[in-house]
Structure formats: structure tokens, C-alpha cells
């Protein structure tokens, strides 16, 4: 009788652990759970898979004060040795609809509308710069 109770408790414990792990696996937070109401306008990825891979994202946000910019950038893809940039624009302001490779990633006429830049370097260092094009 003692053996049956032990097996029952072990079985309940194992089922509880499996349910807990499945919950953790299938209910991870994502981009939609972040504050700021992010909407990706366009993105660019160079086709050079043998060299540094560059990602550029143009994103609009509804509320800049409470937006989780760094967390949003961390969700974006990044390759070891590559570079990821996310340019943030307020919703309703002019935002570029094309992104390019290189140091200048969109038409400079939109520089005044850019409110923040997230960048992840080749070494994995991240930074968020508010008003990156202000003098």
C-alpha cells in the first residue's frame, strides 16, 4: 500500500513538472507583448551569407515614452559578426518605405522624423540612441 501512494505522488509530481515545462515553452513573451505598439514598415537584409550580414529595420511606434525599444531590438534577428539596426519613427510622422545597406540606411530627408536607433554590433553589444540625427 505504501508503494502505491509513493507511485501516485511521484506520478502527480511528474505530470505537474511536464505541464509547467509545456506552459513555459508555449507561452513565451513576444514582440506583441511589448509596450509601444510597434509596426514594422520595411526591412533590409543583404544577401552576402559569407561576410557580415546586415539587417536594417524601419519601425513605427505609437508611444515613444513607454516603448520598450531595446527589448524590441533584441527580438530582431542578428548574426554573429553582423550588424542589426532598428530605426524608430512615431506613428503618423513621415517614415521611409525602403531601407538600404551601408552607413546611410534610408533617404536622409527622413532624419528629422527618426526618434531612436537601436543597434547591435558584430560583437553583440547593444545600444539605443534617442534622436540619433540631432546635432
N, C-alpha and C. Protein backbone atom coordinates (compact mmCIF):
# COMPACT_ATOMS: atom_id res chain seq x y z
N UNK A 1 0.82 -1.19 0.00
CA UNK A 1 0.00 0.00 0.00
C UNK A 1 0.86 1.26 0.00
N UNK A 2 1.94 1.24 0.78
CA UNK A 2 2.84 2.39 0.84
C UNK A 2 3.48 2.65 -0.52
N UNK A 3 3.76 1.60 -1.25
CA UNK A 3 4.37 1.71 -2.57
C UNK A 3 3.42 2.38 -3.57
N UNK A 4 2.14 2.08 -3.51
CA UNK A 4 1.15 2.67 -4.41
C UNK A 4 1.01 4.17 -4.17
N UNK A 5 1.02 4.62 -2.91
CA UNK A 5 0.92 6.05 -2.61
C UNK A 5 2.15 6.79 -3.12
N UNK A 6 3.31 6.19 -2.95
CA UNK A 6 4.55 6.82 -3.43
C UNK A 6 4.51 6.96 -4.94
N UNK A 7 4.09 5.93 -5.63
CA UNK A 7 3.99 5.99 -7.09
C UNK A 7 2.97 7.04 -7.53
N UNK A 8 1.86 7.14 -6.79
CA UNK A 8 0.84 8.13 -7.11
C UNK A 8 1.40 9.55 -6.95
N UNK A 9 2.08 9.81 -5.85
CA UNK A 9 2.66 11.14 -5.62
C UNK A 9 3.75 11.46 -6.64
N UNK A 10 4.57 10.49 -6.97
CA UNK A 10 5.60 10.70 -7.99
C UNK A 10 4.96 10.97 -9.35
N UNK A 11 3.92 10.24 -9.69
CA UNK A 11 3.23 10.45 -10.96
C UNK A 11 2.60 11.84 -11.04
N UNK A 12 1.96 12.27 -9.96
CA UNK A 12 1.38 13.62 -9.93
C UNK A 12 2.48 14.67 -10.05
N UNK A 13 3.59 14.46 -9.36
CA UNK A 13 4.72 15.41 -9.43
C UNK A 13 5.29 15.49 -10.84
N UNK A 14 5.45 14.34 -11.50
CA UNK A 14 5.98 14.33 -12.86
C UNK A 14 5.01 15.02 -13.82
N UNK A 15 3.73 14.76 -13.70
CA UNK A 15 2.74 15.42 -14.54
C UNK A 15 2.74 16.93 -14.32
N UNK A 16 2.86 17.34 -13.06
CA UNK A 16 2.93 18.77 -12.76
C UNK A 16 4.16 19.40 -13.42
N UNK A 17 5.32 18.78 -13.32
CA UNK A 17 6.54 19.30 -13.94
C UNK A 17 6.43 19.36 -15.46
N UNK A 18 5.83 18.35 -16.07
CA UNK A 18 5.66 18.35 -17.52
C UNK A 18 4.72 19.48 -17.94
N UNK A 19 3.62 19.66 -17.21
CA UNK A 19 2.69 20.75 -17.52
C UNK A 19 3.37 22.11 -17.36
N UNK A 20 4.16 22.26 -16.34
CA UNK A 20 4.88 23.51 -16.08
C UNK A 20 5.88 23.81 -17.21
N UNK A 21 6.61 22.81 -17.66
CA UNK A 21 7.57 23.00 -18.75
C UNK A 21 6.86 23.32 -20.07
N UNK A 22 5.75 22.66 -20.35
CA UNK A 22 4.99 22.94 -21.57
C UNK A 22 4.43 24.36 -21.55
N UNK A 23 3.95 24.81 -20.41
CA UNK A 23 3.45 26.17 -20.28
C UNK A 23 4.58 27.16 -20.58
N UNK A 24 5.74 26.92 -20.02
CA UNK A 24 6.89 27.79 -20.25
C UNK A 24 7.36 27.77 -21.70
N UNK A 25 7.18 26.65 -22.36
CA UNK A 25 7.61 26.53 -23.75
C UNK A 25 6.67 27.24 -24.71
N UNK A 26 5.38 27.09 -24.52
CA UNK A 26 4.41 27.60 -25.48
C UNK A 26 3.87 29.00 -25.18
N UNK A 27 4.15 29.54 -24.03
CA UNK A 27 3.63 30.85 -23.68
C UNK A 27 4.74 31.85 -23.38
N UNK A 28 5.77 31.87 -24.23
CA UNK A 28 6.87 32.83 -24.11
C UNK A 28 6.39 34.21 -24.55
N UNK A 29 6.88 35.27 -23.90
CA UNK A 29 6.53 36.62 -24.37
C UNK A 29 7.15 36.89 -25.73
N UNK A 30 6.50 37.73 -26.52
CA UNK A 30 6.99 38.06 -27.85
C UNK A 30 6.87 39.54 -28.12
N UNK A 31 7.09 39.92 -29.36
CA UNK A 31 7.05 41.32 -29.76
C UNK A 31 5.68 41.93 -29.49
N UNK A 32 4.63 41.17 -29.68
CA UNK A 32 3.27 41.70 -29.47
C UNK A 32 2.99 42.03 -28.01
N UNK A 33 3.77 41.50 -27.09
CA UNK A 33 3.56 41.76 -25.66
C UNK A 33 4.28 43.01 -25.17
N UNK A 34 5.10 43.63 -26.01
CA UNK A 34 5.85 44.82 -25.60
C UNK A 34 4.98 46.07 -25.66
N UNK A 35 5.33 47.04 -24.80
CA UNK A 35 4.64 48.33 -24.81
C UNK A 35 5.17 49.17 -25.96
N UNK A 36 4.29 49.92 -26.62
CA UNK A 36 4.71 50.82 -27.68
C UNK A 36 3.98 50.63 -28.99
N UNK A 37 3.27 49.54 -29.15
CA UNK A 37 2.55 49.25 -30.39
C UNK A 37 3.44 49.42 -31.62
N UNK A 38 4.38 48.51 -31.77
CA UNK A 38 5.36 48.54 -32.85
C UNK A 38 4.73 48.02 -34.15
N UNK A 39 5.09 48.67 -35.25
CA UNK A 39 4.65 48.22 -36.57
C UNK A 39 5.83 48.34 -37.53
N UNK A 40 6.27 47.21 -38.07
CA UNK A 40 7.40 47.22 -39.00
C UNK A 40 6.94 47.73 -40.36
N UNK A 41 7.61 48.77 -40.86
CA UNK A 41 7.27 49.35 -42.16
C UNK A 41 8.00 48.61 -43.26
N UNK A 42 9.30 48.45 -43.11
CA UNK A 42 10.11 47.75 -44.10
C UNK A 42 11.38 47.23 -43.42
N UNK A 43 12.08 46.37 -44.11
CA UNK A 43 13.36 45.88 -43.61
C UNK A 43 14.28 45.56 -44.79
N UNK A 44 15.56 45.43 -44.48
CA UNK A 44 16.57 45.09 -45.48
C UNK A 44 17.50 44.06 -44.87
N UNK A 45 17.89 43.08 -45.66
CA UNK A 45 18.93 42.12 -45.28
C UNK A 45 19.79 41.89 -46.50
N UNK A 46 21.08 42.09 -46.35
CA UNK A 46 21.94 41.86 -47.50
C UNK A 46 22.04 40.36 -47.78
N UNK A 47 22.33 40.04 -48.99
CA UNK A 47 22.36 38.64 -49.43
C UNK A 47 23.73 37.99 -49.27
N UNK A 48 24.66 38.67 -48.67
CA UNK A 48 26.01 38.15 -48.53
C UNK A 48 26.09 37.22 -47.32
N UNK A 49 25.94 35.93 -47.55
CA UNK A 49 26.00 34.98 -46.44
C UNK A 49 27.42 34.60 -46.05
N UNK A 50 28.41 34.99 -46.83
CA UNK A 50 29.79 34.64 -46.49
C UNK A 50 30.47 35.74 -45.67
N UNK A 51 29.96 36.93 -45.71
CA UNK A 51 30.55 38.03 -44.96
C UNK A 51 29.59 38.48 -43.88
N UNK A 52 29.80 39.69 -43.38
CA UNK A 52 28.90 40.18 -42.33
C UNK A 52 27.48 40.39 -42.88
N UNK A 53 26.51 39.89 -42.16
CA UNK A 53 25.11 40.03 -42.54
C UNK A 53 24.57 41.29 -41.88
N UNK A 54 23.97 42.17 -42.67
CA UNK A 54 23.44 43.42 -42.15
C UNK A 54 21.92 43.41 -42.22
N UNK A 55 21.29 43.68 -41.09
CA UNK A 55 19.85 43.83 -41.01
C UNK A 55 19.54 45.29 -40.71
N UNK A 56 18.55 45.84 -41.42
CA UNK A 56 18.06 47.20 -41.17
C UNK A 56 16.54 47.12 -41.12
N UNK A 57 15.95 47.65 -40.04
CA UNK A 57 14.51 47.65 -39.87
C UNK A 57 14.02 49.07 -39.68
N UNK A 58 12.91 49.41 -40.32
CA UNK A 58 12.24 50.70 -40.14
C UNK A 58 10.92 50.38 -39.43
N UNK A 59 10.72 50.98 -38.25
CA UNK A 59 9.59 50.63 -37.41
C UNK A 59 8.90 51.90 -36.93
N UNK A 60 7.57 51.88 -36.90
CA UNK A 60 6.82 52.99 -36.30
C UNK A 60 6.30 52.55 -34.94
N UNK A 61 6.21 53.51 -34.03
CA UNK A 61 5.68 53.23 -32.69
C UNK A 61 4.63 54.28 -32.36
N UNK A 62 3.71 53.89 -31.51
CA UNK A 62 2.63 54.80 -31.14
C UNK A 62 3.01 55.67 -29.96
N UNK A 63 3.69 55.11 -28.97
CA UNK A 63 4.02 55.85 -27.75
C UNK A 63 5.51 55.72 -27.47
N UNK A 64 6.24 56.79 -27.70
CA UNK A 64 7.70 56.73 -27.54
C UNK A 64 8.12 56.72 -26.07
N UNK A 65 7.31 57.30 -25.20
CA UNK A 65 7.68 57.41 -23.79
C UNK A 65 7.72 56.05 -23.10
N UNK A 66 6.76 55.20 -23.39
CA UNK A 66 6.71 53.91 -22.70
C UNK A 66 7.18 52.74 -23.55
N UNK A 67 7.63 53.01 -24.76
CA UNK A 67 8.04 51.93 -25.67
C UNK A 67 9.28 51.23 -25.15
N UNK A 68 9.30 49.93 -25.28
CA UNK A 68 10.44 49.11 -24.87
C UNK A 68 11.34 48.89 -26.09
N UNK A 69 12.10 49.93 -26.42
CA UNK A 69 12.89 49.92 -27.66
C UNK A 69 13.97 48.86 -27.65
N UNK A 70 14.71 48.76 -26.56
CA UNK A 70 15.81 47.79 -26.53
C UNK A 70 15.28 46.36 -26.56
N UNK A 71 14.20 46.10 -25.85
CA UNK A 71 13.62 44.76 -25.88
C UNK A 71 13.13 44.41 -27.28
N UNK A 72 12.52 45.38 -27.97
CA UNK A 72 12.07 45.13 -29.34
C UNK A 72 13.26 44.79 -30.23
N UNK A 73 14.33 45.57 -30.12
CA UNK A 73 15.52 45.30 -30.92
C UNK A 73 16.13 43.95 -30.64
N UNK A 74 16.08 43.53 -29.39
CA UNK A 74 16.64 42.22 -29.03
C UNK A 74 15.86 41.06 -29.65
N UNK A 75 14.58 41.28 -29.98
CA UNK A 75 13.79 40.25 -30.64
C UNK A 75 14.15 40.11 -32.13
N UNK A 76 14.78 41.10 -32.71
CA UNK A 76 15.09 41.07 -34.13
C UNK A 76 16.28 40.16 -34.40
N UNK A 77 16.35 39.58 -35.61
CA UNK A 77 17.43 38.64 -35.92
C UNK A 77 18.79 39.32 -35.93
N UNK A 78 19.79 38.55 -35.58
CA UNK A 78 21.18 39.04 -35.56
C UNK A 78 22.10 37.87 -35.85
N UNK A 79 23.11 38.11 -36.68
CA UNK A 79 24.09 37.08 -36.99
C UNK A 79 25.42 37.44 -36.36
N UNK A 80 26.11 36.43 -35.91
CA UNK A 80 27.42 36.64 -35.33
C UNK A 80 28.32 37.29 -36.38
N UNK A 81 28.93 38.38 -36.03
CA UNK A 81 29.79 39.11 -36.96
C UNK A 81 29.03 40.09 -37.82
N UNK A 82 27.72 40.11 -37.71
CA UNK A 82 26.90 41.03 -38.50
C UNK A 82 26.46 42.23 -37.68
N UNK A 83 25.55 43.00 -38.25
CA UNK A 83 25.09 44.22 -37.61
C UNK A 83 23.57 44.31 -37.79
N UNK A 84 22.87 44.69 -36.73
CA UNK A 84 21.42 44.87 -36.79
C UNK A 84 21.10 46.29 -36.34
N UNK A 85 20.33 47.01 -37.16
CA UNK A 85 19.89 48.36 -36.82
C UNK A 85 18.38 48.43 -36.93
N UNK A 86 17.75 49.09 -35.94
CA UNK A 86 16.32 49.32 -35.97
C UNK A 86 16.11 50.82 -35.78
N UNK A 87 15.52 51.45 -36.79
CA UNK A 87 15.21 52.88 -36.73
C UNK A 87 13.74 53.03 -36.33
N UNK A 88 13.48 53.87 -35.32
CA UNK A 88 12.14 54.07 -34.80
C UNK A 88 11.60 55.43 -35.21
N UNK A 89 10.35 55.45 -35.68
CA UNK A 89 9.65 56.67 -36.07
C UNK A 89 8.30 56.67 -35.36
N UNK A 90 7.82 57.87 -35.00
CA UNK A 90 6.49 57.97 -34.41
C UNK A 90 5.44 57.69 -35.48
N UNK A 91 4.40 57.01 -35.07
CA UNK A 91 3.29 56.74 -35.98
C UNK A 91 2.65 58.07 -36.40
N UNK A 92 2.41 58.21 -37.68
CA UNK A 92 1.82 59.44 -38.19
C UNK A 92 2.83 60.45 -38.71
N UNK A 93 4.12 60.22 -38.45
CA UNK A 93 5.16 61.09 -39.00
C UNK A 93 5.74 60.42 -40.24
N UNK A 94 6.41 61.19 -41.10
CA UNK A 94 7.00 60.57 -42.29
C UNK A 94 8.04 59.51 -41.93
N UNK A 95 7.93 58.36 -42.55
CA UNK A 95 8.88 57.26 -42.33
C UNK A 95 9.26 56.68 -43.69
N UNK A 96 10.52 56.28 -43.86
CA UNK A 96 10.93 55.72 -45.15
C UNK A 96 10.25 54.38 -45.42
N UNK A 97 10.03 54.11 -46.71
CA UNK A 97 9.44 52.84 -47.08
C UNK A 97 10.45 51.91 -47.74
N UNK A 98 11.70 52.34 -47.78
CA UNK A 98 12.79 51.50 -48.30
C UNK A 98 14.00 51.65 -47.39
N UNK A 99 14.70 50.54 -47.19
CA UNK A 99 15.93 50.54 -46.40
C UNK A 99 17.07 50.01 -47.26
N UNK A 100 18.28 50.48 -46.99
CA UNK A 100 19.45 50.13 -47.80
C UNK A 100 20.61 49.70 -46.90
N UNK A 101 21.60 49.08 -47.51
CA UNK A 101 22.81 48.69 -46.79
C UNK A 101 23.76 49.88 -46.69
N UNK A 102 24.78 49.73 -45.89
CA UNK A 102 25.81 50.75 -45.77
C UNK A 102 25.63 51.61 -44.53
N UNK A 103 26.30 52.76 -44.53
CA UNK A 103 26.24 53.65 -43.38
C UNK A 103 24.95 54.47 -43.38
N UNK A 104 24.46 54.85 -44.55
CA UNK A 104 23.20 55.58 -44.68
C UNK A 104 22.15 54.56 -45.11
N UNK A 105 21.20 54.27 -44.21
CA UNK A 105 20.27 53.17 -44.44
C UNK A 105 18.92 53.57 -45.01
N UNK A 106 18.67 54.87 -45.15
CA UNK A 106 17.42 55.34 -45.77
C UNK A 106 17.63 56.76 -46.24
N UNK A 107 16.67 57.28 -46.98
CA UNK A 107 16.74 58.63 -47.52
C UNK A 107 16.95 59.64 -46.39
N UNK A 108 18.01 60.46 -46.44
CA UNK A 108 18.31 61.40 -45.35
C UNK A 108 17.22 62.44 -45.09
N UNK A 109 16.25 62.60 -45.99
CA UNK A 109 15.18 63.55 -45.74
C UNK A 109 14.29 63.12 -44.57
N UNK A 110 14.37 61.85 -44.16
CA UNK A 110 13.59 61.34 -43.03
C UNK A 110 14.33 61.44 -41.71
N UNK A 111 15.56 61.95 -41.72
CA UNK A 111 16.37 62.00 -40.49
C UNK A 111 15.67 62.74 -39.36
N UNK A 112 14.96 63.84 -39.66
CA UNK A 112 14.30 64.62 -38.61
C UNK A 112 13.19 63.83 -37.93
N UNK A 113 12.60 62.89 -38.62
CA UNK A 113 11.48 62.11 -38.06
C UNK A 113 11.95 60.94 -37.20
N UNK A 114 13.20 60.55 -37.31
CA UNK A 114 13.71 59.39 -36.57
C UNK A 114 13.88 59.76 -35.10
N UNK A 115 13.21 59.02 -34.22
CA UNK A 115 13.27 59.36 -32.80
C UNK A 115 14.25 58.49 -32.02
N UNK A 116 14.64 57.34 -32.57
CA UNK A 116 15.59 56.48 -31.85
C UNK A 116 16.21 55.48 -32.82
N UNK A 117 17.38 54.99 -32.42
CA UNK A 117 18.10 53.98 -33.19
C UNK A 117 18.60 52.91 -32.23
N UNK A 118 18.20 51.67 -32.48
CA UNK A 118 18.73 50.51 -31.76
C UNK A 118 19.78 49.89 -32.66
N UNK A 119 20.94 49.57 -32.08
CA UNK A 119 21.98 48.93 -32.87
C UNK A 119 22.63 47.81 -32.07
N UNK A 120 22.79 46.67 -32.74
CA UNK A 120 23.51 45.54 -32.16
C UNK A 120 24.72 45.30 -33.05
N UNK A 121 25.90 45.42 -32.46
CA UNK A 121 27.14 45.36 -33.23
C UNK A 121 27.56 43.92 -33.49
N UNK A 122 28.64 43.79 -34.22
CA UNK A 122 29.18 42.46 -34.55
C UNK A 122 29.62 41.71 -33.31
N UNK A 123 30.00 42.43 -32.26
CA UNK A 123 30.44 41.79 -31.02
C UNK A 123 29.28 41.50 -30.08
N UNK A 124 28.05 41.88 -30.47
CA UNK A 124 26.88 41.61 -29.64
C UNK A 124 26.52 42.73 -28.69
N UNK A 125 27.25 43.86 -28.75
CA UNK A 125 26.93 45.00 -27.89
C UNK A 125 25.70 45.71 -28.42
N UNK A 126 24.79 46.07 -27.53
CA UNK A 126 23.58 46.77 -27.95
C UNK A 126 23.57 48.19 -27.42
N UNK A 127 22.92 49.06 -28.17
CA UNK A 127 22.76 50.45 -27.72
C UNK A 127 21.47 51.01 -28.31
N UNK A 128 20.87 51.93 -27.56
CA UNK A 128 19.71 52.68 -28.02
C UNK A 128 20.06 54.15 -27.90
N UNK A 129 19.99 54.84 -29.02
CA UNK A 129 20.31 56.27 -29.07
C UNK A 129 19.04 57.02 -29.41
N UNK A 130 18.63 57.92 -28.52
CA UNK A 130 17.46 58.77 -28.79
C UNK A 130 17.88 59.91 -29.70
N UNK A 131 17.04 60.26 -30.64
CA UNK A 131 17.31 61.35 -31.61
C UNK A 131 18.71 61.23 -32.22
N UNK A 132 18.98 60.18 -32.96
CA UNK A 132 20.34 59.91 -33.45
C UNK A 132 20.83 60.92 -34.49
N UNK A 133 19.94 61.66 -35.13
CA UNK A 133 20.36 62.57 -36.18
C UNK A 133 20.29 64.03 -35.76
N UNK A 134 20.05 64.29 -34.49
CA UNK A 134 20.03 65.66 -33.98
C UNK A 134 21.46 66.15 -33.79
N UNK A 135 21.70 67.40 -34.10
CA UNK A 135 23.05 67.96 -33.93
C UNK A 135 23.25 68.50 -32.56
